Amino acid sequence: GCDGEQVDRPAAGTTVRDLMAMLAA
């Protein structure tokens, strides 16, 4: 429902897959 957003940069070592899981939650 949006074309983008700003989030806090994730912790060191976070992968794209990890970030996607955090967003999906």
PDBML (XML) file of the C-alpha atoms, coordinates in Angstrom:
<?xml version="1.0" encoding="UTF-8" ?>
<PDBx:datablock datablockName="MODEL"
   xmlns:PDBx="http://pdbml.pdb.org/schema/pdbx-v50.xsd"
   xmlns:xsi="http://www.w3.org/2001/XMLSchema-instance"
   xsi:schemaLocation="http://pdbml.pdb.org/schema/pdbx-v50.xsd pdbx-v50.xsd">
   <PDBx:atom_siteCategory>
      <PDBx:atom_site id="1">
         <PDBx:B_iso_or_equiv>0.00</PDBx:B_iso_or_equiv>
         <PDBx:Cartn_x>0.000</PDBx:Cartn_x>
         <PDBx:Cartn_y>0.000</PDBx:Cartn_y>
         <PDBx:Cartn_z>0.000</PDBx:Cartn_z>
         <PDBx:auth_asym_id>A</PDBx:auth_asym_id>
         <PDBx:auth_atom_id>CA</PDBx:auth_atom_id>
         <PDBx:auth_comp_id>GLY</PDBx:auth_comp_id>
         <PDBx:auth_seq_id>1</PDBx:auth_seq_id>
         <PDBx:group_PDB>ATOM</PDBx:group_PDB>
         <PDBx:label_alt_id xsi:nil="true" />
         <PDBx:label_asym_id>A</PDBx:label_asym_id>
         <PDBx:label_atom_id>CA</PDBx:label_atom_id>
         <PDBx:label_comp_id>GLY</PDBx:label_comp_id>
         <PDBx:label_entity_id>1</PDBx:label_entity_id>
         <PDBx:label_seq_id>1</PDBx:label_seq_id>
         <PDBx:occupancy>1.00</PDBx:occupancy>
         <PDBx:pdbx_PDB_model_num>1</PDBx:pdbx_PDB_model_num>
         <PDBx:type_symbol>C</PDBx:type_symbol>
      </PDBx:atom_site>
      <PDBx:atom_site id="2">
         <PDBx:B_iso_or_equiv>0.00</PDBx:B_iso_or_equiv>
         <PDBx:Cartn_x>2.947</PDBx:Cartn_x>
         <PDBx:Cartn_y>2.361</PDBx:Cartn_y>
         <PDBx:Cartn_z>-0.367</PDBx:Cartn_z>
         <PDBx:auth_asym_id>A</PDBx:auth_asym_id>
         <PDBx:auth_atom_id>CA</PDBx:auth_atom_id>
         <PDBx:auth_comp_id>CYS</PDBx:auth_comp_id>
         <PDBx:auth_seq_id>2</PDBx:auth_seq_id>
         <PDBx:group_PDB>ATOM</PDBx:group_PDB>
         <PDBx:label_alt_id xsi:nil="true" />
         <PDBx:label_asym_id>A</PDBx:label_asym_id>
         <PDBx:label_atom_id>CA</PDBx:label_atom_id>
         <PDBx:label_comp_id>CYS</PDBx:label_comp_id>
         <PDBx:label_entity_id>1</PDBx:label_entity_id>
         <PDBx:label_seq_id>2</PDBx:label_seq_id>
         <PDBx:occupancy>1.00</PDBx:occupancy>
         <PDBx:pdbx_PDB_model_num>1</PDBx:pdbx_PDB_model_num>
         <PDBx:type_symbol>C</PDBx:type_symbol>
      </PDBx:atom_site>
      <PDBx:atom_site id="3">
         <PDBx:B_iso_or_equiv>0.00</PDBx:B_iso_or_equiv>
         <PDBx:Cartn_x>5.927</PDBx:Cartn_x>
         <PDBx:Cartn_y>2.796</PDBx:Cartn_y>
         <PDBx:Cartn_z>-2.652</PDBx:Cartn_z>
         <PDBx:auth_asym_id>A</PDBx:auth_asym_id>
         <PDBx:auth_atom_id>CA</PDBx:auth_atom_id>
         <PDBx:auth_comp_id>ASP</PDBx:auth_comp_id>
         <PDBx:auth_seq_id>3</PDBx:auth_seq_id>
         <PDBx:group_PDB>ATOM</PDBx:group_PDB>
         <PDBx:label_alt_id xsi:nil="true" />
         <PDBx:label_asym_id>A</PDBx:label_asym_id>
         <PDBx:label_atom_id>CA</PDBx:label_atom_id>
         <PDBx:label_comp_id>ASP</PDBx:label_comp_id>
         <PDBx:label_entity_id>1</PDBx:label_entity_id>
         <PDBx:label_seq_id>3</PDBx:label_seq_id>
         <PDBx:occupancy>1.00</PDBx:occupancy>
         <PDBx:pdbx_PDB_model_num>1</PDBx:pdbx_PDB_model_num>
         <PDBx:type_symbol>C</PDBx:type_symbol>
      </PDBx:atom_site>
      <PDBx:atom_site id="4">
         <PDBx:B_iso_or_equiv>0.00</PDBx:B_iso_or_equiv>
         <PDBx:Cartn_x>8.468</PDBx:Cartn_x>
         <PDBx:Cartn_y>3.128</PDBx:Cartn_y>
         <PDBx:Cartn_z>0.117</PDBx:Cartn_z>
         <PDBx:auth_asym_id>A</PDBx:auth_asym_id>
         <PDBx:auth_atom_id>CA</PDBx:auth_atom_id>
         <PDBx:auth_comp_id>GLY</PDBx:auth_comp_id>
         <PDBx:auth_seq_id>4</PDBx:auth_seq_id>
         <PDBx:group_PDB>ATOM</PDBx:group_PDB>
         <PDBx:label_alt_id xsi:nil="true" />
         <PDBx:label_asym_id>A</PDBx:label_asym_id>
         <PDBx:label_atom_id>CA</PDBx:label_atom_id>
         <PDBx:label_comp_id>GLY</PDBx:label_comp_id>
         <PDBx:label_entity_id>1</PDBx:label_entity_id>
         <PDBx:label_seq_id>4</PDBx:label_seq_id>
         <PDBx:occupancy>1.00</PDBx:occupancy>
         <PDBx:pdbx_PDB_model_num>1</PDBx:pdbx_PDB_model_num>
         <PDBx:type_symbol>C</PDBx:type_symbol>
      </PDBx:atom_site>
      <PDBx:atom_site id="5">
         <PDBx:B_iso_or_equiv>0.00</PDBx:B_iso_or_equiv>
         <PDBx:Cartn_x>9.300</PDBx:Cartn_x>
         <PDBx:Cartn_y>4.005</PDBx:Cartn_y>
         <PDBx:Cartn_z>3.688</PDBx:Cartn_z>
         <PDBx:auth_asym_id>A</PDBx:auth_asym_id>
         <PDBx:auth_atom_id>CA</PDBx:auth_atom_id>
         <PDBx:auth_comp_id>GLU</PDBx:auth_comp_id>
         <PDBx:auth_seq_id>5</PDBx:auth_seq_id>
         <PDBx:group_PDB>ATOM</PDBx:group_PDB>
         <PDBx:label_alt_id xsi:nil="true" />
         <PDBx:label_asym_id>A</PDBx:label_asym_id>
         <PDBx:label_atom_id>CA</PDBx:label_atom_id>
         <PDBx:label_comp_id>GLU</PDBx:label_comp_id>
         <PDBx:label_entity_id>1</PDBx:label_entity_id>
         <PDBx:label_seq_id>5</PDBx:label_seq_id>
         <PDBx:occupancy>1.00</PDBx:occupancy>
         <PDBx:pdbx_PDB_model_num>1</PDBx:pdbx_PDB_model_num>
         <PDBx:type_symbol>C</PDBx:type_symbol>
      </PDBx:atom_site>
      <PDBx:atom_site id="6">
         <PDBx:B_iso_or_equiv>0.00</PDBx:B_iso_or_equiv>
         <PDBx:Cartn_x>12.115</PDBx:Cartn_x>
         <PDBx:Cartn_y>4.936</PDBx:Cartn_y>
         <PDBx:Cartn_z>6.030</PDBx:Cartn_z>
         <PDBx:auth_asym_id>A</PDBx:auth_asym_id>
         <PDBx:auth_atom_id>CA</PDBx:auth_atom_id>
         <PDBx:auth_comp_id>GLN</PDBx:auth_comp_id>
         <PDBx:auth_seq_id>6</PDBx:auth_seq_id>
         <PDBx:group_PDB>ATOM</PDBx:group_PDB>
         <PDBx:label_alt_id xsi:nil="true" />
         <PDBx:label_asym_id>A</PDBx:label_asym_id>
         <PDBx:label_atom_id>CA</PDBx:label_atom_id>
         <PDBx:label_comp_id>GLN</PDBx:label_comp_id>
         <PDBx:label_entity_id>1</PDBx:label_entity_id>
         <PDBx:label_seq_id>6</PDBx:label_seq_id>
         <PDBx:occupancy>1.00</PDBx:occupancy>
         <PDBx:pdbx_PDB_model_num>1</PDBx:pdbx_PDB_model_num>
         <PDBx:type_symbol>C</PDBx:type_symbol>
      </PDBx:atom_site>
      <PDBx:atom_site id="7">
         <PDBx:B_iso_or_equiv>0.00</PDBx:B_iso_or_equiv>
         <PDBx:Cartn_x>13.125</PDBx:Cartn_x>
         <PDBx:Cartn_y>2.532</PDBx:Cartn_y>
         <PDBx:Cartn_z>8.796</PDBx:Cartn_z>
         <PDBx:auth_asym_id>A</PDBx:auth_asym_id>
         <PDBx:auth_atom_id>CA</PDBx:auth_atom_id>
         <PDBx:auth_comp_id>VAL</PDBx:auth_comp_id>
         <PDBx:auth_seq_id>7</PDBx:auth_seq_id>
         <PDBx:group_PDB>ATOM</PDBx:group_PDB>
         <PDBx:label_alt_id xsi:nil="true" />
         <PDBx:label_asym_id>A</PDBx:label_asym_id>
         <PDBx:label_atom_id>CA</PDBx:label_atom_id>
         <PDBx:label_comp_id>VAL</PDBx:label_comp_id>
         <PDBx:label_entity_id>1</PDBx:label_entity_id>
         <PDBx:label_seq_id>7</PDBx:label_seq_id>
         <PDBx:occupancy>1.00</PDBx:occupancy>
         <PDBx:pdbx_PDB_model_num>1</PDBx:pdbx_PDB_model_num>
         <PDBx:type_symbol>C</PDBx:type_symbol>
      </PDBx:atom_site>
      <PDBx:atom_site id="8">
         <PDBx:B_iso_or_equiv>0.00</PDBx:B_iso_or_equiv>
         <PDBx:Cartn_x>15.900</PDBx:Cartn_x>
         <PDBx:Cartn_y>2.521</PDBx:Cartn_y>
         <PDBx:Cartn_z>11.363</PDBx:Cartn_z>
         <PDBx:auth_asym_id>A</PDBx:auth_asym_id>
         <PDBx:auth_atom_id>CA</PDBx:auth_atom_id>
         <PDBx:auth_comp_id>ASP</PDBx:auth_comp_id>
         <PDBx:auth_seq_id>8</PDBx:auth_seq_id>
         <PDBx:group_PDB>ATOM</PDBx:group_PDB>
         <PDBx:label_alt_id xsi:nil="true" />
         <PDBx:label_asym_id>A</PDBx:label_asym_id>
         <PDBx:label_atom_id>CA</PDBx:label_atom_id>
         <PDBx:label_comp_id>ASP</PDBx:label_comp_id>
         <PDBx:label_entity_id>1</PDBx:label_entity_id>
         <PDBx:label_seq_id>8</PDBx:label_seq_id>
         <PDBx:occupancy>1.00</PDBx:occupancy>
         <PDBx:pdbx_PDB_model_num>1</PDBx:pdbx_PDB_model_num>
         <PDBx:type_symbol>C</PDBx:type_symbol>
      </PDBx:atom_site>
      <PDBx:atom_site id="9">
         <PDBx:B_iso_or_equiv>0.00</PDBx:B_iso_or_equiv>
         <PDBx:Cartn_x>18.934</PDBx:Cartn_x>
         <PDBx:Cartn_y>0.785</PDBx:Cartn_y>
         <PDBx:Cartn_z>9.925</PDBx:Cartn_z>
         <PDBx:auth_asym_id>A</PDBx:auth_asym_id>
         <PDBx:auth_atom_id>CA</PDBx:auth_atom_id>
         <PDBx:auth_comp_id>ARG</PDBx:auth_comp_id>
         <PDBx:auth_seq_id>9</PDBx:auth_seq_id>
         <PDBx:group_PDB>ATOM</PDBx:group_PDB>
         <PDBx:label_alt_id xsi:nil="true" />
         <PDBx:label_asym_id>A</PDBx:label_asym_id>
         <PDBx:label_atom_id>CA</PDBx:label_atom_id>
         <PDBx:label_comp_id>ARG</PDBx:label_comp_id>
         <PDBx:label_entity_id>1</PDBx:label_entity_id>
         <PDBx:label_seq_id>9</PDBx:label_seq_id>
         <PDBx:occupancy>1.00</PDBx:occupancy>
         <PDBx:pdbx_PDB_model_num>1</PDBx:pdbx_PDB_model_num>
         <PDBx:type_symbol>C</PDBx:type_symbol>
      </PDBx:atom_site>
      <PDBx:atom_site id="10">
         <PDBx:B_iso_or_equiv>0.00</PDBx:B_iso_or_equiv>
         <PDBx:Cartn_x>18.942</PDBx:Cartn_x>
         <PDBx:Cartn_y>-2.784</PDBx:Cartn_y>
         <PDBx:Cartn_z>11.253</PDBx:Cartn_z>
         <PDBx:auth_asym_id>A</PDBx:auth_asym_id>
         <PDBx:auth_atom_id>CA</PDBx:auth_atom_id>
         <PDBx:auth_comp_id>PRO</PDBx:auth_comp_id>
         <PDBx:auth_seq_id>10</PDBx:auth_seq_id>
         <PDBx:group_PDB>ATOM</PDBx:group_PDB>
         <PDBx:label_alt_id xsi:nil="true" />
         <PDBx:label_asym_id>A</PDBx:label_asym_id>
         <PDBx:label_atom_id>CA</PDBx:label_atom_id>
         <PDBx:label_comp_id>PRO</PDBx:label_comp_id>
         <PDBx:label_entity_id>1</PDBx:label_entity_id>
         <PDBx:label_seq_id>10</PDBx:label_seq_id>
         <PDBx:occupancy>1.00</PDBx:occupancy>
         <PDBx:pdbx_PDB_model_num>1</PDBx:pdbx_PDB_model_num>
         <PDBx:type_symbol>C</PDBx:type_symbol>
      </PDBx:atom_site>
      <PDBx:atom_site id="11">
         <PDBx:B_iso_or_equiv>0.00</PDBx:B_iso_or_equiv>
         <PDBx:Cartn_x>21.565</PDBx:Cartn_x>
         <PDBx:Cartn_y>-4.202</PDBx:Cartn_y>
         <PDBx:Cartn_z>13.583</PDBx:Cartn_z>
         <PDBx:auth_asym_id>A</PDBx:auth_asym_id>
         <PDBx:auth_atom_id>CA</PDBx:auth_atom_id>
         <PDBx:auth_comp_id>ALA</PDBx:auth_comp_id>
         <PDBx:auth_seq_id>11</PDBx:auth_seq_id>
         <PDBx:group_PDB>ATOM</PDBx:group_PDB>
         <PDBx:label_alt_id xsi:nil="true" />
         <PDBx:label_asym_id>A</PDBx:label_asym_id>
         <PDBx:label_atom_id>CA</PDBx:label_atom_id>
         <PDBx:label_comp_id>ALA</PDBx:label_comp_id>
         <PDBx:label_entity_id>1</PDBx:label_entity_id>
         <PDBx:label_seq_id>11</PDBx:label_seq_id>
         <PDBx:occupancy>1.00</PDBx:occupancy>
         <PDBx:pdbx_PDB_model_num>1</PDBx:pdbx_PDB_model_num>
         <PDBx:type_symbol>C</PDBx:type_symbol>
      </PDBx:atom_site>
      <PDBx:atom_site id="12">
         <PDBx:B_iso_or_equiv>0.00</PDBx:B_iso_or_equiv>
         <PDBx:Cartn_x>24.966</PDBx:Cartn_x>
         <PDBx:Cartn_y>-5.238</PDBx:Cartn_y>
         <PDBx:Cartn_z>12.242</PDBx:Cartn_z>
         <PDBx:auth_asym_id>A</PDBx:auth_asym_id>
         <PDBx:auth_atom_id>CA</PDBx:auth_atom_id>
         <PDBx:auth_comp_id>ALA</PDBx:auth_comp_id>
         <PDBx:auth_seq_id>12</PDBx:auth_seq_id>
         <PDBx:group_PDB>ATOM</PDBx:group_PDB>
         <PDBx:label_alt_id xsi:nil="true" />
         <PDBx:label_asym_id>A</PDBx:label_asym_id>
         <PDBx:label_atom_id>CA</PDBx:label_atom_id>
         <PDBx:label_comp_id>ALA</PDBx:label_comp_id>
         <PDBx:label_entity_id>1</PDBx:label_entity_id>
         <PDBx:label_seq_id>12</PDBx:label_seq_id>
         <PDBx:occupancy>1.00</PDBx:occupancy>
         <PDBx:pdbx_PDB_model_num>1</PDBx:pdbx_PDB_model_num>
         <PDBx:type_symbol>C</PDBx:type_symbol>
      </PDBx:atom_site>
      <PDBx:atom_site id="13">
         <PDBx:B_iso_or_equiv>0.00</PDBx:B_iso_or_equiv>
         <PDBx:Cartn_x>24.854</PDBx:Cartn_x>
         <PDBx:Cartn_y>-8.576</PDBx:Cartn_y>
         <PDBx:Cartn_z>10.464</PDBx:Cartn_z>
         <PDBx:auth_asym_id>A</PDBx:auth_asym_id>
         <PDBx:auth_atom_id>CA</PDBx:auth_atom_id>
         <PDBx:auth_comp_id>GLY</PDBx:auth_comp_id>
         <PDBx:auth_seq_id>13</PDBx:auth_seq_id>
         <PDBx:group_PDB>ATOM</PDBx:group_PDB>
         <PDBx:label_alt_id xsi:nil="true" />
         <PDBx:label_asym_id>A</PDBx:label_asym_id>
         <PDBx:label_atom_id>CA</PDBx:label_atom_id>
         <PDBx:label_comp_id>GLY</PDBx:label_comp_id>
         <PDBx:label_entity_id>1</PDBx:label_entity_id>
         <PDBx:label_seq_id>13</PDBx:label_seq_id>
         <PDBx:occupancy>1.00</PDBx:occupancy>
         <PDBx:pdbx_PDB_model_num>1</PDBx:pdbx_PDB_model_num>
         <PDBx:type_symbol>C</PDBx:type_symbol>
      </PDBx:atom_site>
      <PDBx:atom_site id="14">
         <PDBx:B_iso_or_equiv>0.00</PDBx:B_iso_or_equiv>
         <PDBx:Cartn_x>21.176</PDBx:Cartn_x>
         <PDBx:Cartn_y>-8.321</PDBx:Cartn_y>
         <PDBx:Cartn_z>9.484</PDBx:Cartn_z>
         <PDBx:auth_asym_id>A</PDBx:auth_asym_id>
         <PDBx:auth_atom_id>CA</PDBx:auth_atom_id>
         <PDBx:auth_comp_id>THR</PDBx:auth_comp_id>
         <PDBx:auth_seq_id>14</PDBx:auth_seq_id>
         <PDBx:group_PDB>ATOM</PDBx:group_PDB>
         <PDBx:label_alt_id xsi:nil="true" />
         <PDBx:label_asym_id>A</PDBx:label_asym_id>
         <PDBx:label_atom_id>CA</PDBx:label_atom_id>
         <PDBx:label_comp_id>THR</PDBx:label_comp_id>
         <PDBx:label_entity_id>1</PDBx:label_entity_id>
         <PDBx:label_seq_id>14</PDBx:label_seq_id>
         <PDBx:occupancy>1.00</PDBx:occupancy>
         <PDBx:pdbx_PDB_model_num>1</PDBx:pdbx_PDB_model_num>
         <PDBx:type_symbol>C</PDBx:type_symbol>
      </PDBx:atom_site>
      <PDBx:atom_site id="15">
         <PDBx:B_iso_or_equiv>0.00</PDBx:B_iso_or_equiv>
         <PDBx:Cartn_x>20.572</PDBx:Cartn_x>
         <PDBx:Cartn_y>-9.782</PDBx:Cartn_y>
         <PDBx:Cartn_z>6.032</PDBx:Cartn_z>
         <PDBx:auth_asym_id>A</PDBx:auth_asym_id>
         <PDBx:auth_atom_id>CA</PDBx:auth_atom_id>
         <PDBx:auth_comp_id>THR</PDBx:auth_comp_id>
         <PDBx:auth_seq_id>15</PDBx:auth_seq_id>
         <PDBx:group_PDB>ATOM</PDBx:group_PDB>
         <PDBx:label_alt_id xsi:nil="true" />
         <PDBx:label_asym_id>A</PDBx:label_asym_id>
         <PDBx:label_atom_id>CA</PDBx:label_atom_id>
         <PDBx:label_comp_id>THR</PDBx:label_comp_id>
         <PDBx:label_entity_id>1</PDBx:label_entity_id>
         <PDBx:label_seq_id>15</PDBx:label_seq_id>
         <PDBx:occupancy>1.00</PDBx:occupancy>
         <PDBx:pdbx_PDB_model_num>1</PDBx:pdbx_PDB_model_num>
         <PDBx:type_symbol>C</PDBx:type_symbol>
      </PDBx:atom_site>
      <PDBx:atom_site id="16">
         <PDBx:B_iso_or_equiv>0.00</PDBx:B_iso_or_equiv>
         <PDBx:Cartn_x>17.991</PDBx:Cartn_x>
         <PDBx:Cartn_y>-8.700</PDBx:Cartn_y>
         <PDBx:Cartn_z>3.481</PDBx:Cartn_z>
         <PDBx:auth_asym_id>A</PDBx:auth_asym_id>
         <PDBx:auth_atom_id>CA</PDBx:auth_atom_id>
         <PDBx:auth_comp_id>VAL</PDBx:auth_comp_id>
         <PDBx:auth_seq_id>16</PDBx:auth_seq_id>
         <PDBx:group_PDB>ATOM</PDBx:group_PDB>
         <PDBx:label_alt_id xsi:nil="true" />
         <PDBx:label_asym_id>A</PDBx:label_asym_id>
         <PDBx:label_atom_id>CA</PDBx:label_atom_id>
         <PDBx:label_comp_id>VAL</PDBx:label_comp_id>
         <PDBx:label_entity_id>1</PDBx:label_entity_id>
         <PDBx:label_seq_id>16</PDBx:label_seq_id>
         <PDBx:occupancy>1.00</PDBx:occupancy>
         <PDBx:pdbx_PDB_model_num>1</PDBx:pdbx_PDB_model_num>
         <PDBx:type_symbol>C</PDBx:type_symbol>
      </PDBx:atom_site>
      <PDBx:atom_site id="17">
         <PDBx:B_iso_or_equiv>0.00</PDBx:B_iso_or_equiv>
         <PDBx:Cartn_x>16.075</PDBx:Cartn_x>
         <PDBx:Cartn_y>-11.907</PDBx:Cartn_y>
         <PDBx:Cartn_z>4.273</PDBx:Cartn_z>
         <PDBx:auth_asym_id>A</PDBx:auth_asym_id>
         <PDBx:auth_atom_id>CA</PDBx:auth_atom_id>
         <PDBx:auth_comp_id>ARG</PDBx:auth_comp_id>
         <PDBx:auth_seq_id>17</PDBx:auth_seq_id>
         <PDBx:group_PDB>ATOM</PDBx:group_PDB>
         <PDBx:label_alt_id xsi:nil="true" />
         <PDBx:label_asym_id>A</PDBx:label_asym_id>
         <PDBx:label_atom_id>CA</PDBx:label_atom_id>
         <PDBx:label_comp_id>ARG</PDBx:label_comp_id>
         <PDBx:label_entity_id>1</PDBx:label_entity_id>
         <PDBx:label_seq_id>17</PDBx:label_seq_id>
         <PDBx:occupancy>1.00</PDBx:occupancy>
         <PDBx:pdbx_PDB_model_num>1</PDBx:pdbx_PDB_model_num>
         <PDBx:type_symbol>C</PDBx:type_symbol>
      </PDBx:atom_site>
      <PDBx:atom_site id="18">
         <PDBx:B_iso_or_equiv>0.00</PDBx:B_iso_or_equiv>
         <PDBx:Cartn_x>16.148</PDBx:Cartn_x>
         <PDBx:Cartn_y>-11.071</PDBx:Cartn_y>
         <PDBx:Cartn_z>8.027</PDBx:Cartn_z>
         <PDBx:auth_asym_id>A</PDBx:auth_asym_id>
         <PDBx:auth_atom_id>CA</PDBx:auth_atom_id>
         <PDBx:auth_comp_id>ASP</PDBx:auth_comp_id>
         <PDBx:auth_seq_id>18</PDBx:auth_seq_id>
         <PDBx:group_PDB>ATOM</PDBx:group_PDB>
         <PDBx:label_alt_id xsi:nil="true" />
         <PDBx:label_asym_id>A</PDBx:label_asym_id>
         <PDBx:label_atom_id>CA</PDBx:label_atom_id>
         <PDBx:label_comp_id>ASP</PDBx:label_comp_id>
         <PDBx:label_entity_id>1</PDBx:label_entity_id>
         <PDBx:label_seq_id>18</PDBx:label_seq_id>
         <PDBx:occupancy>1.00</PDBx:occupancy>
         <PDBx:pdbx_PDB_model_num>1</PDBx:pdbx_PDB_model_num>
         <PDBx:type_symbol>C</PDBx:type_symbol>
      </PDBx:atom_site>
      <PDBx:atom_site id="19">
         <PDBx:B_iso_or_equiv>0.00</PDBx:B_iso_or_equiv>
         <PDBx:Cartn_x>14.848</PDBx:Cartn_x>
         <PDBx:Cartn_y>-7.568</PDBx:Cartn_y>
         <PDBx:Cartn_z>7.362</PDBx:Cartn_z>
         <PDBx:auth_asym_id>A</PDBx:auth_asym_id>
         <PDBx:auth_atom_id>CA</PDBx:auth_atom_id>
         <PDBx:auth_comp_id>LEU</PDBx:auth_comp_id>
         <PDBx:auth_seq_id>19</PDBx:auth_seq_id>
         <PDBx:group_PDB>ATOM</PDBx:group_PDB>
         <PDBx:label_alt_id xsi:nil="true" />
         <PDBx:label_asym_id>A</PDBx:label_asym_id>
         <PDBx:label_atom_id>CA</PDBx:label_atom_id>
         <PDBx:label_comp_id>LEU</PDBx:label_comp_id>
         <PDBx:label_entity_id>1</PDBx:label_entity_id>
         <PDBx:label_seq_id>19</PDBx:label_seq_id>
         <PDBx:occupancy>1.00</PDBx:occupancy>
         <PDBx:pdbx_PDB_model_num>1</PDBx:pdbx_PDB_model_num>
         <PDBx:type_symbol>C</PDBx:type_symbol>
      </PDBx:atom_site>
      <PDBx:atom_site id="20">
         <PDBx:B_iso_or_equiv>0.00</PDBx:B_iso_or_equiv>
         <PDBx:Cartn_x>12.076</PDBx:Cartn_x>
         <PDBx:Cartn_y>-8.915</PDBx:Cartn_y>
         <PDBx:Cartn_z>5.149</PDBx:Cartn_z>
         <PDBx:auth_asym_id>A</PDBx:auth_asym_id>
         <PDBx:auth_atom_id>CA</PDBx:auth_atom_id>
         <PDBx:auth_comp_id>MET</PDBx:auth_comp_id>
         <PDBx:auth_seq_id>20</PDBx:auth_seq_id>
         <PDBx:group_PDB>ATOM</PDBx:group_PDB>
         <PDBx:label_alt_id xsi:nil="true" />
         <PDBx:label_asym_id>A</PDBx:label_asym_id>
         <PDBx:label_atom_id>CA</PDBx:label_atom_id>
         <PDBx:label_comp_id>MET</PDBx:label_comp_id>
         <PDBx:label_entity_id>1</PDBx:label_entity_id>
         <PDBx:label_seq_id>20</PDBx:label_seq_id>
         <PDBx:occupancy>1.00</PDBx:occupancy>
         <PDBx:pdbx_PDB_model_num>1</PDBx:pdbx_PDB_model_num>
         <PDBx:type_symbol>C</PDBx:type_symbol>
      </PDBx:atom_site>
      <PDBx:atom_site id="21">
         <PDBx:B_iso_or_equiv>0.00</PDBx:B_iso_or_equiv>
         <PDBx:Cartn_x>11.018</PDBx:Cartn_x>
         <PDBx:Cartn_y>-11.250</PDBx:Cartn_y>
         <PDBx:Cartn_z>7.986</PDBx:Cartn_z>
         <PDBx:auth_asym_id>A</PDBx:auth_asym_id>
         <PDBx:auth_atom_id>CA</PDBx:auth_atom_id>
         <PDBx:auth_comp_id>ALA</PDBx:auth_comp_id>
         <PDBx:auth_seq_id>21</PDBx:auth_seq_id>
         <PDBx:group_PDB>ATOM</PDBx:group_PDB>
         <PDBx:label_alt_id xsi:nil="true" />
         <PDBx:label_asym_id>A</PDBx:label_asym_id>
         <PDBx:label_atom_id>CA</PDBx:label_atom_id>
         <PDBx:label_comp_id>ALA</PDBx:label_comp_id>
         <PDBx:label_entity_id>1</PDBx:label_entity_id>
         <PDBx:label_seq_id>21</PDBx:label_seq_id>
         <PDBx:occupancy>1.00</PDBx:occupancy>
         <PDBx:pdbx_PDB_model_num>1</PDBx:pdbx_PDB_model_num>
         <PDBx:type_symbol>C</PDBx:type_symbol>
      </PDBx:atom_site>
      <PDBx:atom_site id="22">
         <PDBx:B_iso_or_equiv>0.00</PDBx:B_iso_or_equiv>
         <PDBx:Cartn_x>10.969</PDBx:Cartn_x>
         <PDBx:Cartn_y>-8.329</PDBx:Cartn_y>
         <PDBx:Cartn_z>10.444</PDBx:Cartn_z>
         <PDBx:auth_asym_id>A</PDBx:auth_asym_id>
         <PDBx:auth_atom_id>CA</PDBx:auth_atom_id>
         <PDBx:auth_comp_id>MET</PDBx:auth_comp_id>
         <PDBx:auth_seq_id>22</PDBx:auth_seq_id>
         <PDBx:group_PDB>ATOM</PDBx:group_PDB>
         <PDBx:label_alt_id xsi:nil="true" />
         <PDBx:label_asym_id>A</PDBx:label_asym_id>
         <PDBx:label_atom_id>CA</PDBx:label_atom_id>
         <PDBx:label_comp_id>MET</PDBx:label_comp_id>
         <PDBx:label_entity_id>1</PDBx:label_entity_id>
         <PDBx:label_seq_id>22</PDBx:label_seq_id>
         <PDBx:occupancy>1.00</PDBx:occupancy>
         <PDBx:pdbx_PDB_model_num>1</PDBx:pdbx_PDB_model_num>
         <PDBx:type_symbol>C</PDBx:type_symbol>
      </PDBx:atom_site>
      <PDBx:atom_site id="23">
         <PDBx:B_iso_or_equiv>0.00</PDBx:B_iso_or_equiv>
         <PDBx:Cartn_x>8.808</PDBx:Cartn_x>
         <PDBx:Cartn_y>-6.310</PDBx:Cartn_y>
         <PDBx:Cartn_z>8.066</PDBx:Cartn_z>
         <PDBx:auth_asym_id>A</PDBx:auth_asym_id>
         <PDBx:auth_atom_id>CA</PDBx:auth_atom_id>
         <PDBx:auth_comp_id>LEU</PDBx:auth_comp_id>
         <PDBx:auth_seq_id>23</PDBx:auth_seq_id>
         <PDBx:group_PDB>ATOM</PDBx:group_PDB>
         <PDBx:label_alt_id xsi:nil="true" />
         <PDBx:label_asym_id>A</PDBx:label_asym_id>
         <PDBx:label_atom_id>CA</PDBx:label_atom_id>
         <PDBx:label_comp_id>LEU</PDBx:label_comp_id>
         <PDBx:label_entity_id>1</PDBx:label_entity_id>
         <PDBx:label_seq_id>23</PDBx:label_seq_id>
         <PDBx:occupancy>1.00</PDBx:occupancy>
         <PDBx:pdbx_PDB_model_num>1</PDBx:pdbx_PDB_model_num>
         <PDBx:type_symbol>C</PDBx:type_symbol>
      </PDBx:atom_site>
      <PDBx:atom_site id="24">
         <PDBx:B_iso_or_equiv>0.00</PDBx:B_iso_or_equiv>
         <PDBx:Cartn_x>6.487</PDBx:Cartn_x>
         <PDBx:Cartn_y>-9.272</PDBx:Cartn_y>
         <PDBx:Cartn_z>7.398</PDBx:Cartn_z>
         <PDBx:auth_asym_id>A</PDBx:auth_asym_id>
         <PDBx:auth_atom_id>CA</PDBx:auth_atom_id>
         <PDBx:auth_comp_id>ALA</PDBx:auth_comp_id>
         <PDBx:auth_seq_id>24</PDBx:auth_seq_id>
         <PDBx:group_PDB>ATOM</PDBx:group_PDB>
         <PDBx:label_alt_id xsi:nil="true" />
         <PDBx:label_asym_id>A</PDBx:label_asym_id>
         <PDBx:label_atom_id>CA</PDBx:label_atom_id>
         <PDBx:label_comp_id>ALA</PDBx:label_comp_id>
         <PDBx:label_entity_id>1</PDBx:label_entity_id>
         <PDBx:label_seq_id>24</PDBx:label_seq_id>
         <PDBx:occupancy>1.00</PDBx:occupancy>
         <PDBx:pdbx_PDB_model_num>1</PDBx:pdbx_PDB_model_num>
         <PDBx:type_symbol>C</PDBx:type_symbol>
      </PDBx:atom_site>
      <PDBx:atom_site id="25">
         <PDBx:B_iso_or_equiv>0.00</PDBx:B_iso_or_equiv>
         <PDBx:Cartn_x>5.892</PDBx:Cartn_x>
         <PDBx:Cartn_y>-9.541</PDBx:Cartn_y>
         <PDBx:Cartn_z>11.157</PDBx:Cartn_z>
         <PDBx:auth_asym_id>A</PDBx:auth_asym_id>
         <PDBx:auth_atom_id>CA</PDBx:auth_atom_id>
         <PDBx:auth_comp_id>ALA</PDBx:auth_comp_id>
         <PDBx:auth_seq_id>25</PDBx:auth_seq_id>
         <PDBx:group_PDB>ATOM</PDBx:group_PDB>
         <PDBx:label_alt_id xsi:nil="true" />
         <PDBx:label_asym_id>A</PDBx:label_asym_id>
         <PDBx:label_atom_id>CA</PDBx:label_atom_id>
         <PDBx:label_comp_id>ALA</PDBx:label_comp_id>
         <PDBx:label_entity_id>1</PDBx:label_entity_id>
         <PDBx:label_seq_id>25</PDBx:label_seq_id>
         <PDBx:occupancy>1.00</PDBx:occupancy>
         <PDBx:pdbx_PDB_model_num>1</PDBx:pdbx_PDB_model_num>
         <PDBx:type_symbol>C</PDBx:type_symbol>
      </PDBx:atom_site>
   </PDBx:atom_siteCategory>
</PDBx:datablock>
